[in-house]
C-alpha atoms as a PDB file:
ATOM      1  CA  MET A   1      34.792 -19.331  39.421  1.00  0.00           C
ATOM      2  CA  GLU A   2      38.310 -19.746  38.093  1.00  0.00           C
ATOM      3  CA  ARG A   3      40.961 -17.658  39.814  1.00  0.00           C
ATOM      4  CA  LYS A   4      42.897 -15.066  37.868  1.00  0.00           C
ATOM      5  CA  LYS A   5      46.280 -16.144  36.553  1.00  0.00           C
ATOM      6  CA  ARG A   6      49.160 -14.624  38.460  1.00  0.00           C
ATOM      7  CA  VAL A   7      51.617 -13.140  35.990  1.00  0.00           C
ATOM      8  CA  LEU A   8      54.948 -11.510  36.740  1.00  0.00           C
ATOM      9  CA  ILE A   9      56.150  -8.944  34.221  1.00  0.00           C
ATOM     10  CA  VAL A  10      59.843  -8.113  34.300  1.00  0.00           C
ATOM     11  CA  GLY A  11      61.446  -5.013  32.820  1.00  0.00           C
ATOM     12  CA  LEU A  12      58.710  -2.369  32.542  1.00  0.00           C
ATOM     13  CA  LEU A  13      58.995   1.154  33.929  1.00  0.00           C
ATOM     14  CA  GLY A  14      56.451   3.109  36.007  1.00  0.00           C
ATOM     15  CA  GLU A  15      54.140   4.590  33.370  1.00  0.00           C
ATOM     16  CA  GLN A  16      54.409   1.438  31.238  1.00  0.00           C
ATOM     17  CA  ILE A  17      53.189  -0.570  34.242  1.00  0.00           C
ATOM     18  CA  ASN A  18      50.139   1.675  34.549  1.00  0.00           C
ATOM     19  CA  GLN A  19      49.345   1.280  30.841  1.00  0.00           C
ATOM     20  CA  VAL A  20      49.542  -2.521  31.004  1.00  0.00           C
ATOM     21  CA  LYS A  21      47.374  -2.576  34.153  1.00  0.00           C
ATOM     22  CA  SER A  22      44.670  -0.529  32.451  1.00  0.00           C
ATOM     23  CA  ARG A  23      44.678  -2.644  29.272  1.00  0.00           C
ATOM     24  CA  CYS A  24      44.678  -6.056  30.971  1.00  0.00           C
ATOM     25  CA  ALA A  25      42.737  -5.570  34.205  1.00  0.00           C
ATOM     26  CA  ASN A  26      41.372  -9.132  34.226  1.00  0.00           C
ATOM     27  CA  ILE A  27      44.794 -10.615  35.004  1.00  0.00           C
ATOM     28  CA  GLU A  28      46.525 -10.513  38.384  1.00  0.00           C
ATOM     29  CA  MET A  29      49.851  -8.889  37.568  1.00  0.00           C
ATOM     30  CA  ARG A  30      52.976  -8.259  39.565  1.00  0.00           C
ATOM     31  CA  PHE A  31      55.905  -6.246  38.322  1.00  0.00           C
ATOM     32  CA  TRP A  32      59.656  -6.304  38.889  1.00  0.00           C
ATOM     33  CA  LYS A  33      61.757  -3.348  37.773  1.00  0.00           C
ATOM     34  CA  THR A  34      65.373  -3.812  36.774  1.00  0.00           C
ATOM     35  CA  ASP A  35      66.622  -1.622  39.624  1.00  0.00           C
ATOM     36  CA  GLU A  36      65.183  -4.035  42.191  1.00  0.00           C
ATOM     37  CA  ASN A  37      66.973  -6.889  43.977  1.00  0.00           C
ATOM     38  CA  LEU A  38      67.412 -10.256  42.176  1.00  0.00           C
ATOM     39  CA  ALA A  39      66.576 -12.123  45.394  1.00  0.00           C
ATOM     40  CA  LYS A  40      63.187 -10.370  45.402  1.00  0.00           C
ATOM     41  CA  LEU A  41      62.682 -11.429  41.790  1.00  0.00           C
ATOM     42  CA  LYS A  42      63.455 -15.049  42.615  1.00  0.00           C
ATOM     43  CA  THR A  43      60.816 -15.020  45.358  1.00  0.00           C
ATOM     44  CA  MET A  44      58.287 -13.406  43.026  1.00  0.00           C
ATOM     45  CA  VAL A  45      58.991 -15.938  40.260  1.00  0.00           C
ATOM     46  CA  GLY A  46      58.233 -18.779  42.662  1.00  0.00           C
ATOM     47  CA  SER A  47      54.763 -17.444  43.454  1.00  0.00           C
ATOM     48  CA  THR A  48      53.421 -16.784  39.936  1.00  0.00           C
ATOM     49  CA  ASP A  49      51.827 -18.863  37.200  1.00  0.00           C
ATOM     50  CA  HIS A  50      53.665 -17.245  34.303  1.00  0.00           C
ATOM     51  CA  VAL A  51      56.611 -14.859  33.815  1.00  0.00           C
ATOM     52  CA  ILE A  52      56.945 -12.412  30.929  1.00  0.00           C
ATOM     53  CA  SER A  53      60.185 -10.502  30.453  1.00  0.00           C
ATOM     54  CA  LEU A  54      61.104  -7.677  28.124  1.00  0.00           C
ATOM     55  CA  THR A  55      64.412  -8.980  26.863  1.00  0.00           C
ATOM     56  CA  ASN A  56      65.628  -5.588  25.647  1.00  0.00           C
ATOM     57  CA  PHE A  57      65.547  -4.291  29.214  1.00  0.00           C
ATOM     58  CA  ILE A  58      66.966  -7.135  31.323  1.00  0.00           C
ATOM     59  CA  ASN A  59      70.450  -8.607  31.560  1.00  0.00           C
ATOM     60  CA  HIS A  60      71.569 -12.211  31.059  1.00  0.00           C
ATOM     61  CA  ALA A  61      71.757 -12.939  34.792  1.00  0.00           C
ATOM     62  CA  THR A  62      68.118 -11.917  35.222  1.00  0.00           C
ATOM     63  CA  ASP A  63      67.029 -13.989  32.227  1.00  0.00           C
ATOM     64  CA  THR A  64      68.916 -17.060  33.454  1.00  0.00           C
ATOM     65  CA  MET A  65      67.526 -16.760  36.985  1.00  0.00           C
ATOM     66  CA  ILE A  66      63.964 -16.616  35.649  1.00  0.00           C
ATOM     67  CA  LYS A  67      64.539 -19.508  33.245  1.00  0.00           C
ATOM     68  CA  ASN A  68      65.930 -21.688  36.034  1.00  0.00           C
ATOM     69  CA  ASN A  69      63.108 -20.966  38.487  1.00  0.00           C
ATOM     70  CA  THR A  70      59.871 -21.192  36.501  1.00  0.00           C
ATOM     71  CA  HIS A  71      58.261 -23.550  34.028  1.00  0.00           C
ATOM     72  CA  CYS A  72      56.115 -20.922  32.223  1.00  0.00           C
ATOM     73  CA  TYR A  73      58.345 -18.202  30.793  1.00  0.00           C
ATOM     74  CA  THR A  74      57.786 -15.968  27.779  1.00  0.00           C
ATOM     75  CA  ARG A  75      60.452 -13.620  26.470  1.00  0.00           C
ATOM     76  CA  VAL A  76      59.168 -10.547  24.651  1.00  0.00           C
ATOM     77  CA  SER A  77      61.248  -8.308  22.428  1.00  0.00           C
ATOM     78  CA  GLY A  78      58.996  -5.336  22.022  1.00  0.00           C
ATOM     79  CA  GLY A  79      56.971  -2.948  24.078  1.00  0.00           C
ATOM     80  CA  ILE A  80      53.662  -2.623  25.840  1.00  0.00           C
ATOM     81  CA  SER A  81      51.551  -3.788  22.895  1.00  0.00           C
ATOM     82  CA  LYS A  82      53.512  -7.021  22.648  1.00  0.00           C
ATOM     83  CA  VAL A  83      53.233  -7.648  26.405  1.00  0.00           C
ATOM     84  CA  CYS A  84      49.467  -7.082  26.247  1.00  0.00           C
ATOM     85  CA  SER A  85      49.171  -9.463  23.278  1.00  0.00           C
ATOM     86  CA  VAL A  86      50.914 -12.184  25.272  1.00  0.00           C
ATOM     87  CA  LEU A  87      48.793 -11.479  28.357  1.00  0.00           C
ATOM     88  CA  LEU A  88      45.585 -11.834  26.379  1.00  0.00           C
ATOM     89  CA  THR A  89      46.615 -15.309  25.169  1.00  0.00           C
ATOM     90  CA  LEU A  90      47.177 -16.665  28.691  1.00  0.00           C
END
């Protein structure tokens, strides 16, 4: 059996996280909120298969750090529906 992809989603808020979890339960997801430490994000990026960020809700430093520390990075400008669409293509 193939293991679930580990995906890190950056920039969602609490209730949005719950909505994404319920729509895409077959994917192992981790979440980083913008009020958390960048060092924590860097560690999380290093232990995932793919990173998705909501570009409207992160700053340039966060975007650059992700870009420099992962090879599978998708930027999303939109909301929950767009994130779920990307997740379902992974």
